[in-house]
Structures are given as C-alpha cells and as structure tokens.
C-alpha cells in the first residue's frame, strides 16, 4: 500500500537534474539576521546620520518607509536590495541628512545581512544533497 493520495503521481527521483534552494528560512532563520543587520545599520546611522538614526529608532518606521518606497517604486518590487537602499535614502532625506550616505549605509546593512547562523542540520543536508544532485 502506498501513502500517496489517490491519483497522485509519485516523484521519480531519477528525473531530478538539479535542486535550487531559497536560502533564507531554509538554511538559516532570516528574521534574527535581518533584525541584527538593522541594529548594526542603526548604530552606523547614529555615528554618520544622527537625525536619521533618531527617525528610525523604532524598526517599524524603517519598515513603513520601505513599504511606502515599494508603493512609489514598483520597478523595485523584485530587487529587495535596491528597495532597502532607496528606503534608507528616503529616511535620510526625511531627516535632513545627506542622501549620499544611502550607499555606505546600505553596505553596512548588507555586510551584516550576509553573516548568517545556519540551522544545525543545514550543512549535513547540503552535503547529502550535493552528493546526489547539482545544487544551484
């Protein structure tokens, strides 16, 4: 007896040619990483753009600015980095700080965003998968 639903096709694993993974929340938890990167960004803003740091002390404000930017700039819908950079630029503008700081501020955020803590089973799972399939 099979556990598949009636009429459901079984997966033929021999037909798998490659596996693609969305890394966030697959290999590591995304929100602790984002929250830490936003804290580091806020610290940088305190040193380089204190009025903006005061404006975005509450992380909800930065989120609201990002949502407003997404509505204004639908062309950035699929580029979250550009969306975040432009929302930082908007925060700088709104606070009266130098908008040219948006790029270095984003780089500070992005560098910290790349520091992830893998789930305990992520590396063994990747090893197992990579021995069987190309990973992309």
Foldseek 3Di string as FASTA:
>chain_A
DDPDDPPDDDDDVVPDAEAEDDCDVPFFPQPVLLVVLVVQLLVVCCVQPVLLSVQCVDVVSLVVLLVVLCVVCVVCVPPVLVSSLVSSLVSCVVSVHDSVCSVVSSVSSVVSSPDGDTDPCNVVVVVVVVVPHHYD
